[in-house]
Amino acid sequence: WDGLEGLSLSLLGVHQRRNAAVALTTMRLLREKGWRIGEDAMRAGLARATWPGRFEVLSRAPLFLVDGGHNPQCVEALAQNLREYLPGRQVTALAGVMADKDYPAMFAAIDPLIARYVVVTPPSPRALAAETLAELLKGFGKPVTVCGATREGVAEAVRQAGPEGAVCAFGSLYIVGDIRACFQKE
């Protein structure tokens, strides 16, 4: 767009840049139809947009990311983001999934980027037991630790990653709130 150089997007991720392009195209089409959408509003919207739990940085030491990705397509986008933002970095995964999701495909897509797994059972009747997920993940040949509550999983993943490491939590929207609560300021 002419006149919209130097846009700032607050959301991280290749997929978010595509989403922003769709939003800008939609606004352009609406403007052509007579809607009054100012350039300042477009800039502010992109710069201030938030999406809690979607490739969200919760901590920097260690780096702790949470992503609500809970199907193969979302985990593919997450894997692309890890390749772009954390190339070559050792990533500890904190994961819990629903039993009715295609979790084998999810973990096959992201496993090449993961050094070790910490697994939890999400708080839902549809949840896959952490022990069952651990059995699948052991097939990838990497260390797997089973934890009880999500809070325990967060502490264990942080411990395993160490202060210079990185943790990426994903697999279910059911664990995002509990994870975010672990990082809220008192």
N, C-alpha and C. Protein backbone atom coordinates (compact mmCIF):
# COMPACT_ATOMS: atom_id res chain seq x y z
N TRP A 1 0.83 -1.20 0.00
CA TRP A 1 0.00 0.00 0.00
C TRP A 1 0.86 1.24 0.00
N ASP A 2 0.51 2.18 -0.84
CA ASP A 2 1.20 3.46 -0.82
C ASP A 2 0.87 4.18 0.48
N GLY A 3 1.87 4.76 1.10
CA GLY A 3 1.65 5.53 2.32
C GLY A 3 1.63 4.72 3.59
N LEU A 4 1.75 3.40 3.50
CA LEU A 4 1.73 2.58 4.71
C LEU A 4 3.08 1.90 4.93
N GLU A 5 4.14 2.55 4.51
CA GLU A 5 5.47 1.99 4.74
C GLU A 5 5.76 2.03 6.23
N GLY A 6 6.64 1.15 6.65
CA GLY A 6 7.09 1.17 8.05
C GLY A 6 6.03 0.73 9.04
N LEU A 7 5.15 -0.15 8.64
CA LEU A 7 4.14 -0.66 9.57
C LEU A 7 4.80 -1.47 10.66
N SER A 8 4.21 -1.44 11.83
CA SER A 8 4.71 -2.23 12.95
C SER A 8 3.62 -3.22 13.35
N LEU A 9 3.99 -4.49 13.46
CA LEU A 9 3.06 -5.53 13.85
C LEU A 9 3.49 -6.07 15.21
N SER A 10 2.60 -6.03 16.19
CA SER A 10 2.95 -6.45 17.54
C SER A 10 2.97 -7.97 17.70
N LEU A 11 2.33 -8.70 16.81
CA LEU A 11 2.26 -10.16 16.92
C LEU A 11 3.44 -10.81 16.21
N LEU A 12 4.00 -11.85 16.85
CA LEU A 12 5.12 -12.58 16.27
C LEU A 12 4.61 -13.70 15.38
N GLY A 13 5.34 -14.01 14.34
CA GLY A 13 5.04 -15.17 13.53
C GLY A 13 4.79 -14.86 12.07
N VAL A 14 5.26 -15.78 11.22
CA VAL A 14 5.05 -15.66 9.79
C VAL A 14 3.56 -15.63 9.49
N HIS A 15 2.81 -16.49 10.16
CA HIS A 15 1.36 -16.54 9.94
C HIS A 15 0.69 -15.23 10.33
N GLN A 16 1.24 -14.53 11.31
CA GLN A 16 0.64 -13.25 11.72
C GLN A 16 0.89 -12.17 10.67
N ARG A 17 2.01 -12.25 9.98
CA ARG A 17 2.25 -11.30 8.88
C ARG A 17 1.24 -11.54 7.76
N ARG A 18 0.95 -12.81 7.48
CA ARG A 18 -0.07 -13.12 6.47
C ARG A 18 -1.44 -12.61 6.93
N ASN A 19 -1.76 -12.83 8.21
CA ASN A 19 -3.03 -12.35 8.75
C ASN A 19 -3.12 -10.83 8.65
N ALA A 20 -2.03 -10.13 8.91
CA ALA A 20 -2.02 -8.68 8.81
C ALA A 20 -2.24 -8.24 7.37
N ALA A 21 -1.66 -8.95 6.42
CA ALA A 21 -1.88 -8.62 5.01
C ALA A 21 -3.34 -8.79 4.63
N VAL A 22 -3.98 -9.83 5.15
CA VAL A 22 -5.42 -10.03 4.90
C VAL A 22 -6.22 -8.89 5.51
N ALA A 23 -5.88 -8.50 6.73
CA ALA A 23 -6.58 -7.39 7.39
C ALA A 23 -6.43 -6.10 6.60
N LEU A 24 -5.22 -5.82 6.14
CA LEU A 24 -4.99 -4.60 5.36
C LEU A 24 -5.76 -4.64 4.03
N THR A 25 -5.79 -5.78 3.40
CA THR A 25 -6.54 -5.90 2.15
C THR A 25 -8.03 -5.69 2.40
N THR A 26 -8.53 -6.26 3.50
CA THR A 26 -9.94 -6.07 3.85
C THR A 26 -10.24 -4.60 4.10
N MET A 27 -9.36 -3.92 4.82
CA MET A 27 -9.57 -2.49 5.08
C MET A 27 -9.53 -1.69 3.79
N ARG A 28 -8.64 -2.04 2.87
CA ARG A 28 -8.58 -1.33 1.58
C ARG A 28 -9.89 -1.51 0.83
N LEU A 29 -10.41 -2.73 0.79
CA LEU A 29 -11.67 -2.99 0.10
C LEU A 29 -12.84 -2.26 0.76
N LEU A 30 -12.84 -2.23 2.08
CA LEU A 30 -13.89 -1.49 2.77
C LEU A 30 -13.81 0.01 2.48
N ARG A 31 -12.60 0.52 2.43
CA ARG A 31 -12.43 1.95 2.10
C ARG A 31 -12.94 2.24 0.69
N GLU A 32 -12.68 1.32 -0.23
CA GLU A 32 -13.18 1.50 -1.60
C GLU A 32 -14.70 1.51 -1.65
N LYS A 33 -15.34 0.88 -0.67
CA LYS A 33 -16.80 0.84 -0.60
C LYS A 33 -17.36 2.00 0.22
N GLY A 34 -16.49 2.90 0.65
CA GLY A 34 -16.95 4.09 1.35
C GLY A 34 -16.76 4.12 2.85
N TRP A 35 -16.23 3.06 3.43
CA TRP A 35 -15.99 3.07 4.87
C TRP A 35 -14.86 4.04 5.18
N ARG A 36 -15.00 4.71 6.29
CA ARG A 36 -13.95 5.66 6.73
C ARG A 36 -13.05 4.96 7.73
N ILE A 37 -11.94 4.48 7.23
CA ILE A 37 -10.92 3.83 8.06
C ILE A 37 -9.62 4.58 7.81
N GLY A 38 -9.20 5.31 8.80
CA GLY A 38 -8.01 6.14 8.64
C GLY A 38 -6.72 5.36 8.72
N GLU A 39 -5.70 5.93 8.10
CA GLU A 39 -4.38 5.30 8.13
C GLU A 39 -3.87 5.15 9.55
N ASP A 40 -4.10 6.15 10.39
CA ASP A 40 -3.66 6.06 11.79
C ASP A 40 -4.32 4.90 12.51
N ALA A 41 -5.61 4.67 12.23
CA ALA A 41 -6.32 3.55 12.85
C ALA A 41 -5.73 2.22 12.39
N MET A 42 -5.40 2.12 11.11
CA MET A 42 -4.80 0.89 10.60
C MET A 42 -3.45 0.64 11.25
N ARG A 43 -2.64 1.67 11.32
CA ARG A 43 -1.32 1.53 11.95
C ARG A 43 -1.45 1.13 13.42
N ALA A 44 -2.33 1.81 14.13
CA ALA A 44 -2.51 1.54 15.56
C ALA A 44 -3.05 0.12 15.78
N GLY A 45 -3.97 -0.31 14.94
CA GLY A 45 -4.52 -1.65 15.09
C GLY A 45 -3.47 -2.73 14.95
N LEU A 46 -2.61 -2.60 13.97
CA LEU A 46 -1.55 -3.59 13.77
C LEU A 46 -0.51 -3.52 14.89
N ALA A 47 -0.18 -2.31 15.31
CA ALA A 47 0.86 -2.13 16.32
C ALA A 47 0.41 -2.56 17.71
N ARG A 48 -0.89 -2.50 17.99
CA ARG A 48 -1.40 -2.79 19.34
C ARG A 48 -2.12 -4.13 19.46
N ALA A 49 -2.25 -4.85 18.38
CA ALA A 49 -2.98 -6.11 18.42
C ALA A 49 -2.32 -7.09 19.38
N THR A 50 -3.12 -7.80 20.13
CA THR A 50 -2.62 -8.86 21.01
C THR A 50 -3.43 -10.12 20.78
N TRP A 51 -2.79 -11.25 21.03
CA TRP A 51 -3.47 -12.54 20.94
C TRP A 51 -2.85 -13.42 22.01
N PRO A 52 -3.36 -13.30 23.24
CA PRO A 52 -2.79 -14.09 24.34
C PRO A 52 -2.80 -15.58 24.00
N GLY A 53 -1.67 -16.21 24.28
CA GLY A 53 -1.57 -17.65 24.08
C GLY A 53 -1.25 -18.07 22.65
N ARG A 54 -0.94 -17.14 21.79
CA ARG A 54 -0.57 -17.49 20.42
C ARG A 54 0.84 -17.00 20.16
N PHE A 55 1.82 -17.87 20.26
CA PHE A 55 3.24 -17.58 20.16
C PHE A 55 3.57 -16.35 21.03
N GLU A 56 3.12 -16.46 22.27
CA GLU A 56 3.27 -15.37 23.24
C GLU A 56 4.51 -15.60 24.10
N VAL A 57 5.31 -14.57 24.26
CA VAL A 57 6.50 -14.63 25.11
C VAL A 57 6.07 -14.31 26.54
N LEU A 58 6.28 -15.27 27.46
CA LEU A 58 5.92 -15.07 28.86
C LEU A 58 7.12 -14.75 29.74
N SER A 59 8.30 -15.15 29.29
CA SER A 59 9.53 -14.96 30.07
C SER A 59 10.70 -14.93 29.10
N ARG A 60 11.78 -14.29 29.53
CA ARG A 60 12.97 -14.22 28.68
C ARG A 60 14.15 -15.01 29.24
N ALA A 61 14.13 -15.39 30.52
CA ALA A 61 15.25 -16.14 31.12
C ALA A 61 14.69 -17.21 32.04
N PRO A 62 14.43 -18.42 31.56
CA PRO A 62 14.61 -18.79 30.16
C PRO A 62 13.51 -18.20 29.28
N LEU A 63 13.76 -18.22 27.99
CA LEU A 63 12.73 -17.82 27.05
C LEU A 63 11.59 -18.83 27.20
N PHE A 64 10.38 -18.33 27.44
CA PHE A 64 9.23 -19.21 27.60
C PHE A 64 8.12 -18.71 26.68
N LEU A 65 7.78 -19.54 25.70
CA LEU A 65 6.72 -19.23 24.74
C LEU A 65 5.53 -20.14 25.00
N VAL A 66 4.34 -19.59 24.84
CA VAL A 66 3.14 -20.41 24.92
C VAL A 66 2.35 -20.22 23.64
N ASP A 67 1.86 -21.34 23.11
CA ASP A 67 1.09 -21.29 21.88
C ASP A 67 -0.07 -22.28 22.01
N GLY A 68 -1.26 -21.80 21.74
CA GLY A 68 -2.44 -22.64 21.86
C GLY A 68 -2.61 -23.65 20.76
N GLY A 69 -1.59 -23.81 19.91
CA GLY A 69 -1.67 -24.73 18.78
C GLY A 69 -2.13 -26.12 19.23
N HIS A 70 -3.23 -26.60 18.64
CA HIS A 70 -3.82 -27.85 19.10
C HIS A 70 -4.28 -28.76 17.95
N ASN A 71 -3.77 -28.49 16.75
CA ASN A 71 -4.04 -29.38 15.62
C ASN A 71 -2.82 -29.32 14.70
N PRO A 72 -2.73 -30.24 13.74
CA PRO A 72 -1.52 -30.28 12.90
C PRO A 72 -1.22 -28.95 12.18
N GLN A 73 -2.24 -28.25 11.71
CA GLN A 73 -2.00 -26.99 11.00
C GLN A 73 -1.40 -25.93 11.93
N CYS A 74 -1.94 -25.82 13.14
CA CYS A 74 -1.40 -24.85 14.10
C CYS A 74 0.02 -25.20 14.50
N VAL A 75 0.29 -26.49 14.67
CA VAL A 75 1.63 -26.90 15.08
C VAL A 75 2.63 -26.73 13.93
N GLU A 76 2.17 -26.88 12.69
CA GLU A 76 3.03 -26.56 11.53
C GLU A 76 3.44 -25.09 11.57
N ALA A 77 2.48 -24.20 11.85
CA ALA A 77 2.78 -22.76 11.95
C ALA A 77 3.74 -22.51 13.11
N LEU A 78 3.53 -23.18 14.23
CA LEU A 78 4.43 -23.05 15.38
C LEU A 78 5.83 -23.52 15.01
N ALA A 79 5.94 -24.64 14.32
CA ALA A 79 7.25 -25.15 13.91
C ALA A 79 7.95 -24.15 12.99
N GLN A 80 7.22 -23.56 12.08
CA GLN A 80 7.80 -22.55 11.19
C GLN A 80 8.32 -21.37 12.00
N ASN A 81 7.56 -20.96 13.01
CA ASN A 81 8.01 -19.85 13.86
C ASN A 81 9.24 -20.21 14.66
N LEU A 82 9.30 -21.43 15.19
CA LEU A 82 10.49 -21.84 15.93
C LEU A 82 11.72 -21.85 15.02
N ARG A 83 11.54 -22.32 13.78
CA ARG A 83 12.68 -22.31 12.84
C ARG A 83 13.12 -20.88 12.56
N GLU A 84 12.18 -19.96 12.43
CA GLU A 84 12.53 -18.58 12.11
C GLU A 84 13.12 -17.82 13.29
N TYR A 85 12.51 -17.97 14.46
CA TYR A 85 12.91 -17.16 15.61
C TYR A 85 13.97 -17.82 16.50
N LEU A 86 14.05 -19.15 16.49
CA LEU A 86 14.99 -19.85 17.36
C LEU A 86 15.84 -20.85 16.59
N PRO A 87 16.47 -20.43 15.49
CA PRO A 87 17.23 -21.40 14.69
C PRO A 87 18.36 -22.02 15.50
N GLY A 88 18.41 -23.35 15.48
CA GLY A 88 19.50 -24.07 16.15
C GLY A 88 19.41 -24.09 17.66
N ARG A 89 18.39 -23.54 18.24
CA ARG A 89 18.28 -23.46 19.71
C ARG A 89 17.68 -24.74 20.27
N GLN A 90 18.17 -25.16 21.42
CA GLN A 90 17.61 -26.31 22.14
C GLN A 90 16.28 -25.89 22.76
N VAL A 91 15.20 -26.55 22.38
CA VAL A 91 13.88 -26.18 22.87
C VAL A 91 13.32 -27.33 23.71
N THR A 92 12.88 -26.98 24.92
CA THR A 92 12.16 -27.91 25.77
C THR A 92 10.68 -27.70 25.50
N ALA A 93 9.97 -28.76 25.16
CA ALA A 93 8.53 -28.66 24.90
C ALA A 93 7.77 -29.03 26.16
N LEU A 94 6.78 -28.20 26.48
CA LEU A 94 5.80 -28.51 27.53
C LEU A 94 4.50 -28.74 26.78
N ALA A 95 3.94 -29.94 26.89
CA ALA A 95 2.79 -30.26 26.05
C ALA A 95 1.74 -31.07 26.80
N GLY A 96 0.51 -30.84 26.39
CA GLY A 96 -0.64 -31.62 26.81
C GLY A 96 -1.65 -31.52 25.69
N VAL A 97 -2.38 -32.60 25.40
CA VAL A 97 -3.29 -32.62 24.25
C VAL A 97 -4.62 -33.28 24.60
N MET A 98 -5.58 -33.04 23.75
CA MET A 98 -6.86 -33.72 23.83
C MET A 98 -6.75 -35.05 23.08
N ALA A 99 -7.41 -36.08 23.60
CA ALA A 99 -7.33 -37.42 23.02
C ALA A 99 -7.94 -37.47 21.62
N ASP A 100 -8.86 -36.56 21.30
CA ASP A 100 -9.54 -36.60 20.00
C ASP A 100 -8.84 -35.79 18.92
N LYS A 101 -7.66 -35.28 19.21
CA LYS A 101 -6.88 -34.53 18.22
C LYS A 101 -5.90 -35.47 17.51
N ASP A 102 -5.38 -35.03 16.39
CA ASP A 102 -4.39 -35.82 15.64
C ASP A 102 -3.00 -35.53 16.23
N TYR A 103 -2.82 -35.92 17.47
CA TYR A 103 -1.57 -35.60 18.16
C TYR A 103 -0.35 -36.31 17.57
N PRO A 104 -0.46 -37.51 16.99
CA PRO A 104 0.75 -38.08 16.36
C PRO A 104 1.27 -37.18 15.24
N ALA A 105 0.38 -36.62 14.42
CA ALA A 105 0.82 -35.72 13.34
C ALA A 105 1.37 -34.42 13.92
N MET A 106 0.77 -33.94 14.99
CA MET A 106 1.24 -32.70 15.61
C MET A 106 2.71 -32.84 16.04
N PHE A 107 3.00 -33.92 16.75
CA PHE A 107 4.35 -34.09 17.29
C PHE A 107 5.35 -34.50 16.22
N ALA A 108 4.90 -35.20 15.20
CA ALA A 108 5.81 -35.52 14.09
C ALA A 108 6.26 -34.23 13.40
N ALA A 109 5.38 -33.24 13.32
CA ALA A 109 5.72 -31.98 12.65
C ALA A 109 6.72 -31.14 13.43
N ILE A 110 6.68 -31.22 14.74
CA ILE A 110 7.52 -30.32 15.54
C ILE A 110 8.72 -31.02 16.17
N ASP A 111 8.71 -32.34 16.23
CA ASP A 111 9.78 -33.07 16.91
C ASP A 111 11.20 -32.70 16.46
N PRO A 112 11.46 -32.48 15.17
CA PRO A 112 12.84 -32.14 14.79
C PRO A 112 13.39 -30.88 15.48
N LEU A 113 12.50 -30.06 16.03
CA LEU A 113 12.92 -28.81 16.68
C LEU A 113 12.97 -28.91 18.20
N ILE A 114 12.63 -30.08 18.73
CA ILE A 114 12.51 -30.25 20.17
C ILE A 114 13.65 -31.12 20.70
N ALA A 115 14.24 -30.67 21.83
CA ALA A 115 15.33 -31.42 22.46
C ALA A 115 14.82 -32.40 23.51
N ARG A 116 13.73 -32.02 24.21
CA ARG A 116 13.17 -32.84 25.29
C ARG A 116 11.72 -32.44 25.51
N TYR A 117 10.98 -33.34 26.13
CA TYR A 117 9.55 -33.10 26.37
C TYR A 117 9.23 -33.18 27.86
N VAL A 118 8.33 -32.29 28.29
CA VAL A 118 7.68 -32.36 29.59
C VAL A 118 6.19 -32.41 29.26
N VAL A 119 5.48 -33.42 29.77
CA VAL A 119 4.08 -33.59 29.39
C VAL A 119 3.17 -33.53 30.61
N VAL A 120 1.97 -33.00 30.36
CA VAL A 120 0.95 -32.87 31.40
C VAL A 120 -0.39 -33.35 30.83
N THR A 121 -1.33 -33.61 31.72
CA THR A 121 -2.69 -33.94 31.32
C THR A 121 -3.52 -32.67 31.44
N PRO A 122 -4.05 -32.14 30.34
CA PRO A 122 -4.88 -30.93 30.42
C PRO A 122 -6.12 -31.17 31.29
N PRO A 123 -6.63 -30.12 31.91
CA PRO A 123 -7.81 -30.24 32.77
C PRO A 123 -9.10 -30.31 31.94
N SER A 124 -9.37 -31.47 31.38
CA SER A 124 -10.56 -31.67 30.57
C SER A 124 -10.89 -33.16 30.52
N PRO A 125 -12.17 -33.51 30.48
CA PRO A 125 -12.52 -34.92 30.33
C PRO A 125 -12.06 -35.51 28.99
N ARG A 126 -11.81 -34.65 28.01
CA ARG A 126 -11.34 -35.10 26.68
C ARG A 126 -9.83 -35.26 26.63
N ALA A 127 -9.14 -34.96 27.69
CA ALA A 127 -7.67 -34.94 27.70
C ALA A 127 -7.08 -36.33 27.50
N LEU A 128 -5.95 -36.35 26.81
CA LEU A 128 -5.13 -37.55 26.72
C LEU A 128 -4.26 -37.58 27.97
N ALA A 129 -4.19 -38.71 28.62
CA ALA A 129 -3.35 -38.82 29.81
C ALA A 129 -1.89 -38.56 29.45
N ALA A 130 -1.21 -37.83 30.32
CA ALA A 130 0.20 -37.51 30.09
C ALA A 130 1.02 -38.77 29.88
N GLU A 131 0.71 -39.83 30.59
CA GLU A 131 1.46 -41.08 30.47
C GLU A 131 1.31 -41.68 29.06
N THR A 132 0.13 -41.56 28.49
CA THR A 132 -0.11 -42.06 27.13
C THR A 132 0.66 -41.23 26.11
N LEU A 133 0.63 -39.92 26.28
CA LEU A 133 1.40 -39.05 25.39
C LEU A 133 2.89 -39.34 25.52
N ALA A 134 3.34 -39.57 26.74
CA ALA A 134 4.77 -39.86 26.96
C ALA A 134 5.20 -41.11 26.20
N GLU A 135 4.36 -42.12 26.16
CA GLU A 135 4.70 -43.35 25.43
C GLU A 135 4.91 -43.06 23.94
N LEU A 136 4.03 -42.25 23.35
CA LEU A 136 4.21 -41.87 21.95
C LEU A 136 5.52 -41.10 21.76
N LEU A 137 5.76 -40.13 22.62
CA LEU A 137 6.93 -39.26 22.47
C LEU A 137 8.25 -39.99 22.70
N LYS A 138 8.24 -41.00 23.52
CA LYS A 138 9.47 -41.79 23.73
C LYS A 138 9.95 -42.42 22.43
N GLY A 139 9.02 -42.63 21.52
CA GLY A 139 9.38 -43.18 20.21
C GLY A 139 10.26 -42.26 19.39
N PHE A 140 10.31 -40.99 19.73
CA PHE A 140 11.17 -40.04 19.03
C PHE A 140 12.60 -40.09 19.56
N GLY A 141 12.82 -40.82 20.65
CA GLY A 141 14.17 -41.01 21.17
C GLY A 141 14.72 -39.84 21.97
N LYS A 142 13.83 -39.04 22.52
CA LYS A 142 14.27 -37.89 23.32
C LYS A 142 13.76 -38.04 24.75
N PRO A 143 14.39 -37.38 25.70
CA PRO A 143 13.92 -37.48 27.09
C PRO A 143 12.48 -36.96 27.22
N VAL A 144 11.68 -37.68 28.02
CA VAL A 144 10.30 -37.31 28.29
C VAL A 144 10.07 -37.38 29.80
N THR A 145 9.52 -36.30 30.36
CA THR A 145 9.19 -36.25 31.78
C THR A 145 7.69 -36.05 31.92
N VAL A 146 7.05 -36.87 32.73
CA VAL A 146 5.62 -36.75 32.99
C VAL A 146 5.43 -35.97 34.28
N CYS A 147 4.56 -34.96 34.23
CA CYS A 147 4.24 -34.16 35.42
C CYS A 147 2.74 -34.23 35.69
N GLY A 148 2.36 -33.89 36.92
CA GLY A 148 0.95 -33.88 37.29
C GLY A 148 0.26 -32.64 36.75
N ALA A 149 0.13 -31.64 37.58
CA ALA A 149 -0.56 -30.41 37.22
C ALA A 149 0.28 -29.58 36.25
N THR A 150 -0.40 -28.71 35.53
CA THR A 150 0.27 -27.84 34.58
C THR A 150 1.34 -26.99 35.26
N ARG A 151 1.03 -26.47 36.44
CA ARG A 151 2.00 -25.64 37.18
C ARG A 151 3.29 -26.42 37.44
N GLU A 152 3.17 -27.69 37.80
CA GLU A 152 4.35 -28.54 38.01
C GLU A 152 5.11 -28.72 36.70
N GLY A 153 4.40 -28.87 35.60
CA GLY A 153 5.03 -29.00 34.29
C GLY A 153 5.80 -27.75 33.89
N VAL A 154 5.23 -26.58 34.19
CA VAL A 154 5.93 -25.32 33.90
C VAL A 154 7.24 -25.27 34.67
N ALA A 155 7.18 -25.55 35.97
CA ALA A 155 8.39 -25.50 36.80
C ALA A 155 9.44 -26.49 36.30
N GLU A 156 9.01 -27.69 35.93
CA GLU A 156 9.95 -28.71 35.45
C GLU A 156 10.55 -28.31 34.10
N ALA A 157 9.73 -27.79 33.19
CA ALA A 157 10.24 -27.37 31.88
C ALA A 157 11.26 -26.24 32.04
N VAL A 158 10.98 -25.29 32.92
CA VAL A 158 11.91 -24.18 33.18
C VAL A 158 13.20 -24.73 33.76
N ARG A 159 13.10 -25.67 34.70
CA ARG A 159 14.29 -26.26 35.31
C ARG A 159 15.13 -26.97 34.26
N GLN A 160 14.49 -27.77 33.41
CA GLN A 160 15.23 -28.52 32.40
C GLN A 160 15.86 -27.60 31.36
N ALA A 161 15.18 -26.53 30.99
CA ALA A 161 15.71 -25.61 29.98
C ALA A 161 16.91 -24.84 30.50
N GLY A 162 16.89 -24.49 31.78
CA GLY A 162 17.95 -23.67 32.35
C GLY A 162 17.78 -22.22 31.94
N PRO A 163 18.49 -21.32 32.59
CA PRO A 163 18.30 -19.88 32.36
C PRO A 163 18.59 -19.42 30.93
N GLU A 164 19.44 -20.15 30.23
CA GLU A 164 19.79 -19.76 28.85
C GLU A 164 18.96 -20.50 27.81
N GLY A 165 18.10 -21.40 28.26
CA GLY A 165 17.34 -22.25 27.35
C GLY A 165 16.05 -21.63 26.86
N ALA A 166 15.26 -22.46 26.21
CA ALA A 166 13.97 -22.03 25.68
C ALA A 166 12.94 -23.12 25.94
N VAL A 167 11.74 -22.68 26.33
CA VAL A 167 10.61 -23.58 26.53
C VAL A 167 9.50 -23.14 25.58
N CYS A 168 8.87 -24.08 24.94
CA CYS A 168 7.70 -23.80 24.12
C CYS A 168 6.57 -24.71 24.59
N ALA A 169 5.51 -24.10 25.12
CA ALA A 169 4.35 -24.84 25.60
C ALA A 169 3.27 -24.79 24.53
N PHE A 170 2.68 -25.96 24.22
CA PHE A 170 1.67 -26.02 23.17
C PHE A 170 0.87 -27.30 23.31
N GLY A 171 -0.13 -27.47 22.46
CA GLY A 171 -0.87 -28.71 22.37
C GLY A 171 -2.33 -28.62 22.72
N SER A 172 -2.70 -27.64 23.56
CA SER A 172 -4.09 -27.53 23.97
C SER A 172 -4.38 -26.13 24.49
N LEU A 173 -5.52 -25.61 24.11
CA LEU A 173 -5.97 -24.33 24.67
C LEU A 173 -6.31 -24.48 26.15
N TYR A 174 -6.59 -25.71 26.59
CA TYR A 174 -6.96 -25.95 27.98
C TYR A 174 -5.83 -25.68 28.96
N ILE A 175 -4.59 -25.68 28.51
CA ILE A 175 -3.47 -25.44 29.43
C ILE A 175 -2.94 -24.01 29.36
N VAL A 176 -3.37 -23.24 28.37
CA VAL A 176 -2.83 -21.89 28.17
C VAL A 176 -3.08 -20.99 29.39
N GLY A 177 -4.30 -20.99 29.91
CA GLY A 177 -4.62 -20.13 31.05
C GLY A 177 -3.79 -20.47 32.28
N ASP A 178 -3.64 -21.77 32.57
CA ASP A 178 -2.83 -22.18 33.72
C ASP A 178 -1.37 -21.79 33.53
N ILE A 179 -0.87 -21.92 32.32
CA ILE A 179 0.52 -21.55 32.04
C ILE A 179 0.70 -20.05 32.20
N ARG A 180 -0.18 -19.28 31.61
CA ARG A 180 -0.08 -17.82 31.72
C ARG A 180 -0.14 -17.37 33.18
N ALA A 181 -0.98 -18.04 33.99
CA ALA A 181 -1.12 -17.69 35.41
C ALA A 181 0.20 -17.88 36.15
N CYS A 182 1.02 -18.82 35.73
CA CYS A 182 2.32 -19.04 36.38
C CYS A 182 3.25 -17.85 36.21
N PHE A 183 3.00 -17.01 35.23
CA PHE A 183 3.89 -15.89 34.94
C PHE A 183 3.28 -14.53 35.28
N GLN A 184 2.08 -14.53 35.85
CA GLN A 184 1.44 -13.26 36.22
C GLN A 184 2.20 -12.64 37.39
N LYS A 185 2.30 -11.33 37.35
CA LYS A 185 2.96 -10.59 38.43
C LYS A 185 2.04 -10.59 39.65
N GLU A 186 2.63 -10.81 40.81
CA GLU A 186 1.85 -10.81 42.06
C GLU A 186 1.42 -9.40 42.39
